[in-house]
PDB file of all heavy atoms in Angstrom:
ATOM      1  N   PRO A   1      -9.556   9.943  -6.894  1.00  0.00           N
ATOM      2  CA  PRO A   1     -10.443   9.028  -7.617  1.00  0.00           C
ATOM      3  C   PRO A   1      -9.726   8.316  -8.755  1.00  0.00           C
ATOM      4  O   PRO A   1      -8.778   8.847  -9.336  1.00  0.00           O
ATOM      5  CB  PRO A   1     -11.535   9.965  -8.155  1.00  0.00           C
ATOM      6  CG  PRO A   1     -10.840  11.285  -8.308  1.00  0.00           C
ATOM      7  CD  PRO A   1      -9.858  11.359  -7.180  1.00  0.00           C
ATOM      8  N   THR A   2     -10.156   7.097  -9.055  1.00  0.00           N
ATOM      9  CA  THR A   2      -9.686   6.387 -10.237  1.00  0.00           C
ATOM     10  C   THR A   2     -10.904   5.933 -11.031  1.00  0.00           C
ATOM     11  O   THR A   2     -11.950   5.636 -10.464  1.00  0.00           O
ATOM     12  CB  THR A   2      -8.818   5.165  -9.873  1.00  0.00           C
ATOM     13  OG1 THR A   2      -9.599   4.243  -9.102  1.00  0.00           O
ATOM     14  CG2 THR A   2      -7.596   5.578  -9.073  1.00  0.00           C
ATOM     15  N   SER A   3     -10.753   5.890 -12.345  1.00  0.00           N
ATOM     16  CA  SER A   3     -11.854   5.512 -13.227  1.00  0.00           C
ATOM     17  C   SER A   3     -11.274   4.941 -14.512  1.00  0.00           C
ATOM     18  O   SER A   3     -10.049   4.880 -14.676  1.00  0.00           O
ATOM     19  CB  SER A   3     -12.727   6.735 -13.539  1.00  0.00           C
ATOM     20  OG  SER A   3     -11.981   7.700 -14.265  1.00  0.00           O
ATOM     21  N   THR A   4     -12.130   4.527 -15.437  1.00  0.00           N
ATOM     22  CA  THR A   4     -11.646   3.961 -16.690  1.00  0.00           C
ATOM     23  C   THR A   4     -10.867   4.983 -17.514  1.00  0.00           C
ATOM     24  O   THR A   4     -10.043   4.619 -18.339  1.00  0.00           O
ATOM     25  CB  THR A   4     -12.815   3.426 -17.529  1.00  0.00           C
ATOM     26  OG1 THR A   4     -13.804   4.461 -17.679  1.00  0.00           O
ATOM     27  CG2 THR A   4     -13.459   2.219 -16.852  1.00  0.00           C
ATOM     28  N   SER A   5     -11.126   6.258 -17.276  1.00  0.00           N
ATOM     29  CA  SER A   5     -10.376   7.306 -17.982  1.00  0.00           C
ATOM     30  C   SER A   5      -9.205   7.814 -17.140  1.00  0.00           C
ATOM     31  O   SER A   5      -8.445   8.680 -17.579  1.00  0.00           O
ATOM     32  CB  SER A   5     -11.306   8.485 -18.323  1.00  0.00           C
ATOM     33  OG  SER A   5     -11.836   9.076 -17.157  1.00  0.00           O
ATOM     34  N   ARG A   6      -9.068   7.275 -15.939  1.00  0.00           N
ATOM     35  CA  ARG A   6      -8.005   7.685 -15.010  1.00  0.00           C
ATOM     36  C   ARG A   6      -7.555   6.446 -14.236  1.00  0.00           C
ATOM     37  O   ARG A   6      -7.695   6.367 -13.029  1.00  0.00           O
ATOM     38  CB  ARG A   6      -8.555   8.770 -14.078  1.00  0.00           C
ATOM     39  CG  ARG A   6      -7.516   9.617 -13.368  1.00  0.00           C
ATOM     40  CD  ARG A   6      -8.172  10.824 -12.691  1.00  0.00           C
ATOM     41  NE  ARG A   6      -7.177  11.654 -12.059  1.00  0.00           N
ATOM     42  CZ  ARG A   6      -6.821  11.569 -10.778  1.00  0.00           C
ATOM     43  NH1 ARG A   6      -7.400  10.677  -9.997  1.00  0.00           N
ATOM     44  NH2 ARG A   6      -5.904  12.353 -10.279  1.00  0.00           N
ATOM     45  N   LEU A   7      -7.007   5.485 -14.965  1.00  0.00           N
ATOM     46  CA  LEU A   7      -6.711   4.178 -14.386  1.00  0.00           C
ATOM     47  C   LEU A   7      -5.525   4.174 -13.434  1.00  0.00           C
ATOM     48  O   LEU A   7      -5.509   3.419 -12.459  1.00  0.00           O
ATOM     49  CB  LEU A   7      -6.444   3.170 -15.512  1.00  0.00           C
ATOM     50  CG  LEU A   7      -7.665   2.615 -16.229  1.00  0.00           C
ATOM     51  CD1 LEU A   7      -7.224   1.805 -17.451  1.00  0.00           C
ATOM     52  CD2 LEU A   7      -8.499   1.738 -15.295  1.00  0.00           C
ATOM     53  N   PHE A   8      -4.509   4.988 -13.728  1.00  0.00           N
ATOM     54  CA  PHE A   8      -3.271   4.911 -12.955  1.00  0.00           C
ATOM     55  C   PHE A   8      -2.720   6.310 -12.684  1.00  0.00           C
ATOM     56  O   PHE A   8      -1.590   6.633 -13.072  1.00  0.00           O
ATOM     57  CB  PHE A   8      -2.260   4.068 -13.731  1.00  0.00           C
ATOM     58  CG  PHE A   8      -1.341   3.245 -12.875  1.00  0.00           C
ATOM     59  CD1 PHE A   8      -1.765   2.677 -11.686  1.00  0.00           C
ATOM     60  CD2 PHE A   8      -0.039   3.000 -13.290  1.00  0.00           C
ATOM     61  CE1 PHE A   8      -0.920   1.899 -10.910  1.00  0.00           C
ATOM     62  CE2 PHE A   8       0.824   2.226 -12.519  1.00  0.00           C
ATOM     63  CZ  PHE A   8       0.376   1.668 -11.339  1.00  0.00           C
ATOM     64  N   PRO A   9      -3.504   7.153 -12.004  1.00  0.00           N
ATOM     65  CA  PRO A   9      -3.076   8.540 -11.784  1.00  0.00           C
ATOM     66  C   PRO A   9      -1.951   8.653 -10.760  1.00  0.00           C
ATOM     67  O   PRO A   9      -1.732   7.752  -9.948  1.00  0.00           O
ATOM     68  CB  PRO A   9      -4.345   9.200 -11.259  1.00  0.00           C
ATOM     69  CG  PRO A   9      -5.036   8.095 -10.529  1.00  0.00           C
ATOM     70  CD  PRO A   9      -4.798   6.871 -11.375  1.00  0.00           C
ATOM     71  N   PHE A  10      -1.278   9.781 -10.802  1.00  0.00           N
ATOM     72  CA  PHE A  10      -0.272  10.094  -9.774  1.00  0.00           C
ATOM     73  C   PHE A  10      -0.979  10.690  -8.568  1.00  0.00           C
ATOM     74  O   PHE A  10      -1.949  11.452  -8.684  1.00  0.00           O
ATOM     75  CB  PHE A  10       0.758  11.087 -10.305  1.00  0.00           C
ATOM     76  CG  PHE A  10       1.704  11.559  -9.226  1.00  0.00           C
ATOM     77  CD1 PHE A  10       2.816  10.804  -8.894  1.00  0.00           C
ATOM     78  CD2 PHE A  10       1.451  12.726  -8.521  1.00  0.00           C
ATOM     79  CE1 PHE A  10       3.665  11.210  -7.869  1.00  0.00           C
ATOM     80  CE2 PHE A  10       2.294  13.141  -7.496  1.00  0.00           C
ATOM     81  CZ  PHE A  10       3.404  12.371  -7.178  1.00  0.00           C
ATOM     82  N   PHE A  11      -0.479  10.352  -7.376  1.00  0.00           N
ATOM     83  CA  PHE A  11      -0.983  10.964  -6.145  1.00  0.00           C
ATOM     84  C   PHE A  11       0.160  10.997  -5.149  1.00  0.00           C
ATOM     85  O   PHE A  11       0.914  10.027  -5.020  1.00  0.00           O
ATOM     86  CB  PHE A  11      -2.148  10.161  -5.577  1.00  0.00           C
ATOM     87  CG  PHE A  11      -2.944  10.887  -4.524  1.00  0.00           C
ATOM     88  CD1 PHE A  11      -3.399  12.178  -4.750  1.00  0.00           C
ATOM     89  CD2 PHE A  11      -3.253  10.288  -3.310  1.00  0.00           C
ATOM     90  CE1 PHE A  11      -4.147  12.853  -3.788  1.00  0.00           C
ATOM     91  CE2 PHE A  11      -4.007  10.951  -2.352  1.00  0.00           C
ATOM     92  CZ  PHE A  11      -4.454  12.235  -2.598  1.00  0.00           C
ATOM     93  N   GLY A  12       0.333  12.128  -4.464  1.00  0.00           N
ATOM     94  CA  GLY A  12       1.421  12.232  -3.508  1.00  0.00           C
ATOM     95  C   GLY A  12       1.262  13.403  -2.572  1.00  0.00           C
ATOM     96  O   GLY A  12       0.312  14.176  -2.671  1.00  0.00           O
ATOM     97  N   PHE A  13       2.204  13.548  -1.649  1.00  0.00           N
ATOM     98  CA  PHE A  13       2.163  14.645  -0.687  1.00  0.00           C
ATOM     99  C   PHE A  13       3.564  15.146  -0.392  1.00  0.00           C
ATOM    100  O   PHE A  13       4.550  14.419  -0.536  1.00  0.00           O
ATOM    101  CB  PHE A  13       1.492  14.204   0.627  1.00  0.00           C
ATOM    102  CG  PHE A  13       2.314  13.229   1.428  1.00  0.00           C
ATOM    103  CD1 PHE A  13       3.288  13.667   2.320  1.00  0.00           C
ATOM    104  CD2 PHE A  13       2.130  11.865   1.277  1.00  0.00           C
ATOM    105  CE1 PHE A  13       4.062  12.767   3.046  1.00  0.00           C
ATOM    106  CE2 PHE A  13       2.894  10.956   1.997  1.00  0.00           C
ATOM    107  CZ  PHE A  13       3.862  11.410   2.882  1.00  0.00           C
ATOM    108  N   VAL A  14       3.636  16.391   0.033  1.00  0.00           N
ATOM    109  CA  VAL A  14       4.847  16.983   0.586  1.00  0.00           C
ATOM    110  C   VAL A  14       4.446  17.591   1.928  1.00  0.00           C
ATOM    111  O   VAL A  14       3.493  18.366   1.996  1.00  0.00           O
ATOM    112  CB  VAL A  14       5.449  18.063  -0.341  1.00  0.00           C
ATOM    113  CG1 VAL A  14       6.661  18.715   0.328  1.00  0.00           C
ATOM    114  CG2 VAL A  14       5.853  17.450  -1.683  1.00  0.00           C
ATOM    115  N   SER A  15       5.162  17.228   2.976  1.00  0.00           N
ATOM    116  CA  SER A  15       4.809  17.664   4.330  1.00  0.00           C
ATOM    117  C   SER A  15       5.893  18.557   4.916  1.00  0.00           C
ATOM    118  O   SER A  15       7.065  18.443   4.560  1.00  0.00           O
ATOM    119  CB  SER A  15       4.606  16.438   5.232  1.00  0.00           C
ATOM    120  OG  SER A  15       4.387  16.804   6.571  1.00  0.00           O
ATOM    121  N   ASP A  16       5.485  19.444   5.823  1.00  0.00           N
ATOM    122  CA  ASP A  16       6.479  20.287   6.483  1.00  0.00           C
ATOM    123  C   ASP A  16       7.049  19.616   7.737  1.00  0.00           C
ATOM    124  O   ASP A  16       7.901  20.180   8.412  1.00  0.00           O
ATOM    125  CB  ASP A  16       5.902  21.665   6.821  1.00  0.00           C
ATOM    126  CG  ASP A  16       4.671  21.588   7.717  1.00  0.00           C
ATOM    127  OD1 ASP A  16       4.328  20.473   8.165  1.00  0.00           O
ATOM    128  OD2 ASP A  16       4.040  22.630   7.964  1.00  0.00           O
ATOM    129  N   VAL A  17       6.570  18.400   8.033  1.00  0.00           N
ATOM    130  CA  VAL A  17       7.124  17.603   9.139  1.00  0.00           C
ATOM    131  C   VAL A  17       7.362  16.182   8.633  1.00  0.00           C
ATOM    132  O   VAL A  17       6.707  15.736   7.686  1.00  0.00           O
ATOM    133  CB  VAL A  17       6.164  17.564  10.352  1.00  0.00           C
ATOM    134  CG1 VAL A  17       5.973  18.957  10.937  1.00  0.00           C
ATOM    135  CG2 VAL A  17       4.828  16.957   9.973  1.00  0.00           C
ATOM    136  N   PRO A  18       8.300  15.457   9.223  1.00  0.00           N
ATOM    137  CA  PRO A  18       8.556  14.085   8.783  1.00  0.00           C
ATOM    138  C   PRO A  18       7.332  13.184   8.960  1.00  0.00           C
ATOM    139  O   PRO A  18       6.581  13.314   9.932  1.00  0.00           O
ATOM    140  CB  PRO A  18       9.708  13.636   9.693  1.00  0.00           C
ATOM    141  CG  PRO A  18      10.380  14.903  10.106  1.00  0.00           C
ATOM    142  CD  PRO A  18       9.271  15.899  10.245  1.00  0.00           C
ATOM    143  N   VAL A  19       7.138  12.283   8.012  1.00  0.00           N
ATOM    144  CA  VAL A  19       6.059  11.289   8.065  1.00  0.00           C
ATOM    145  C   VAL A  19       6.732   9.914   8.174  1.00  0.00           C
ATOM    146  O   VAL A  19       7.531   9.536   7.323  1.00  0.00           O
ATOM    147  CB  VAL A  19       5.173  11.360   6.802  1.00  0.00           C
ATOM    148  CG1 VAL A  19       4.111  10.268   6.832  1.00  0.00           C
ATOM    149  CG2 VAL A  19       4.530  12.738   6.687  1.00  0.00           C
ATOM    150  N   ASN A  20       6.407   9.180   9.241  1.00  0.00           N
ATOM    151  CA  ASN A  20       7.070   7.903   9.494  1.00  0.00           C
ATOM    152  C   ASN A  20       6.528   6.763   8.646  1.00  0.00           C
ATOM    153  O   ASN A  20       7.269   5.845   8.286  1.00  0.00           O
ATOM    154  CB  ASN A  20       6.945   7.532  10.976  1.00  0.00           C
ATOM    155  CG  ASN A  20       7.600   8.546  11.894  1.00  0.00           C
ATOM    156  OD1 ASN A  20       8.643   9.101  11.560  1.00  0.00           O
ATOM    157  ND2 ASN A  20       6.994   8.790  13.042  1.00  0.00           N
ATOM    158  N   SER A  21       5.214   6.813   8.366  1.00  0.00           N
ATOM    159  CA  SER A  21       4.593   5.725   7.619  1.00  0.00           C
ATOM    160  C   SER A  21       3.280   6.203   7.021  1.00  0.00           C
ATOM    161  O   SER A  21       2.781   7.277   7.357  1.00  0.00           O
ATOM    162  CB  SER A  21       4.340   4.522   8.540  1.00  0.00           C
ATOM    163  OG  SER A  21       3.438   4.881   9.580  1.00  0.00           O
ATOM    164  N   LEU A  22       2.732   5.401   6.122  1.00  0.00           N
ATOM    165  CA  LEU A  22       1.407   5.679   5.589  1.00  0.00           C
ATOM    166  C   LEU A  22       0.743   4.388   5.166  1.00  0.00           C
ATOM    167  O   LEU A  22       1.412   3.379   4.903  1.00  0.00           O
ATOM    168  CB  LEU A  22       1.464   6.648   4.410  1.00  0.00           C
ATOM    169  CG  LEU A  22       1.994   6.128   3.075  1.00  0.00           C
ATOM    170  CD1 LEU A  22       1.332   6.876   1.924  1.00  0.00           C
ATOM    171  CD2 LEU A  22       3.495   6.321   2.991  1.00  0.00           C
ATOM    172  N   GLU A  23      -0.588   4.425   5.117  1.00  0.00           N
ATOM    173  CA  GLU A  23      -1.374   3.317   4.586  1.00  0.00           C
ATOM    174  C   GLU A  23      -1.979   3.774   3.269  1.00  0.00           C
ATOM    175  O   GLU A  23      -2.604   4.826   3.202  1.00  0.00           O
ATOM    176  CB  GLU A  23      -2.498   2.925   5.542  1.00  0.00           C
ATOM    177  CG  GLU A  23      -2.047   2.282   6.833  1.00  0.00           C
ATOM    178  CD  GLU A  23      -3.226   1.887   7.701  1.00  0.00           C
ATOM    179  OE1 GLU A  23      -4.373   2.274   7.364  1.00  0.00           O
ATOM    180  OE2 GLU A  23      -3.013   1.198   8.713  1.00  0.00           O
ATOM    181  N   VAL A  24      -1.770   2.990   2.227  1.00  0.00           N
ATOM    182  CA  VAL A  24      -2.405   3.250   0.948  1.00  0.00           C
ATOM    183  C   VAL A  24      -3.549   2.253   0.824  1.00  0.00           C
ATOM    184  O   VAL A  24      -3.324   1.037   0.927  1.00  0.00           O
ATOM    185  CB  VAL A  24      -1.414   3.091  -0.222  1.00  0.00           C
ATOM    186  CG1 VAL A  24      -2.087   3.431  -1.545  1.00  0.00           C
ATOM    187  CG2 VAL A  24      -0.199   3.982  -0.007  1.00  0.00           C
ATOM    188  N   SER A  25      -4.758   2.731   0.639  1.00  0.00           N
ATOM    189  CA  SER A  25      -5.924   1.850   0.622  1.00  0.00           C
ATOM    190  C   SER A  25      -6.732   2.027  -0.654  1.00  0.00           C
ATOM    191  O   SER A  25      -6.761   3.099  -1.258  1.00  0.00           O
ATOM    192  CB  SER A  25      -6.821   2.134   1.841  1.00  0.00           C
ATOM    193  OG  SER A  25      -7.232   3.494   1.855  1.00  0.00           O
ATOM    194  N   GLY A  26      -7.389   0.940  -1.058  1.00  0.00           N
ATOM    195  CA  GLY A  26      -8.207   0.988  -2.264  1.00  0.00           C
ATOM    196  C   GLY A  26      -8.999  -0.292  -2.425  1.00  0.00           C
ATOM    197  O   GLY A  26      -8.869  -1.224  -1.630  1.00  0.00           O
ATOM    198  N   ALA A  27      -9.804  -0.364  -3.463  1.00  0.00           N
ATOM    199  CA  ALA A  27     -10.657  -1.520  -3.703  1.00  0.00           C
ATOM    200  C   ALA A  27      -9.883  -2.645  -4.390  1.00  0.00           C
ATOM    201  O   ALA A  27      -8.931  -2.393  -5.138  1.00  0.00           O
ATOM    202  CB  ALA A  27     -11.854  -1.113  -4.568  1.00  0.00           C
ATOM    203  N   SER A  28     -10.284  -3.885  -4.110  1.00  0.00           N
ATOM    204  CA  SER A  28      -9.737  -5.064  -4.783  1.00  0.00           C
ATOM    205  C   SER A  28      -8.215  -5.060  -4.707  1.00  0.00           C
ATOM    206  O   SER A  28      -7.638  -4.769  -3.666  1.00  0.00           O
ATOM    207  CB  SER A  28     -10.224  -5.091  -6.235  1.00  0.00           C
ATOM    208  OG  SER A  28      -9.936  -6.333  -6.834  1.00  0.00           O
ATOM    209  N   PHE A  29      -7.531  -5.395  -5.805  1.00  0.00           N
ATOM    210  CA  PHE A  29      -6.081  -5.374  -5.813  1.00  0.00           C
ATOM    211  C   PHE A  29      -5.606  -3.946  -6.022  1.00  0.00           C
ATOM    212  O   PHE A  29      -5.597  -3.418  -7.125  1.00  0.00           O
ATOM    213  CB  PHE A  29      -5.530  -6.276  -6.910  1.00  0.00           C
ATOM    214  CG  PHE A  29      -5.192  -7.663  -6.439  1.00  0.00           C
ATOM    215  CD1 PHE A  29      -6.106  -8.691  -6.603  1.00  0.00           C
ATOM    216  CD2 PHE A  29      -3.982  -7.928  -5.812  1.00  0.00           C
ATOM    217  CE1 PHE A  29      -5.809  -9.977  -6.172  1.00  0.00           C
ATOM    218  CE2 PHE A  29      -3.673  -9.206  -5.374  1.00  0.00           C
ATOM    219  CZ  PHE A  29      -4.590 -10.237  -5.549  1.00  0.00           C
ATOM    220  N   LEU A  30      -5.196  -3.321  -4.924  1.00  0.00           N
ATOM    221  CA  LEU A  30      -4.612  -1.982  -4.966  1.00  0.00           C
ATOM    222  C   LEU A  30      -3.211  -2.107  -5.566  1.00  0.00           C
ATOM    223  O   LEU A  30      -2.434  -2.968  -5.175  1.00  0.00           O
ATOM    224  CB  LEU A  30      -4.529  -1.421  -3.552  1.00  0.00           C
ATOM    225  CG  LEU A  30      -3.688  -0.179  -3.336  1.00  0.00           C
ATOM    226  CD1 LEU A  30      -4.361   1.019  -3.978  1.00  0.00           C
ATOM    227  CD2 LEU A  30      -3.484   0.071  -1.848  1.00  0.00           C
ATOM    228  N   THR A  31      -2.891  -1.262  -6.542  1.00  0.00           N
ATOM    229  CA  THR A  31      -1.618  -1.381  -7.246  1.00  0.00           C
ATOM    230  C   THR A  31      -0.887  -0.046  -7.261  1.00  0.00           C
ATOM    231  O   THR A  31      -1.500   0.998  -7.483  1.00  0.00           O
ATOM    232  CB  THR A  31      -1.851  -1.870  -8.690  1.00  0.00           C
ATOM    233  OG1 THR A  31      -2.472  -3.162  -8.646  1.00  0.00           O
ATOM    234  CG2 THR A  31      -0.540  -1.978  -9.459  1.00  0.00           C
ATOM    235  N   ILE A  32       0.424  -0.070  -7.015  1.00  0.00           N
ATOM    236  CA  ILE A  32       1.239   1.153  -7.037  1.00  0.00           C
ATOM    237  C   ILE A  32       2.499   0.926  -7.867  1.00  0.00           C
ATOM    238  O   ILE A  32       2.955  -0.209  -8.033  1.00  0.00           O
ATOM    239  CB  ILE A  32       1.615   1.636  -5.622  1.00  0.00           C
ATOM    240  CG1 ILE A  32       2.521   0.621  -4.924  1.00  0.00           C
ATOM    241  CG2 ILE A  32       0.365   1.896  -4.787  1.00  0.00           C
ATOM    242  CD1 ILE A  32       3.027   1.102  -3.572  1.00  0.00           C
TER     243      ILE A  32
END
């Protein structure tokens, strides 16, 4: 979740198998 008190939080994953790609999705202008 993101909110006015959590505008730019960290989010990530560690996998036990290789990940070839991912889609990052969000409302309006998604920013990373």
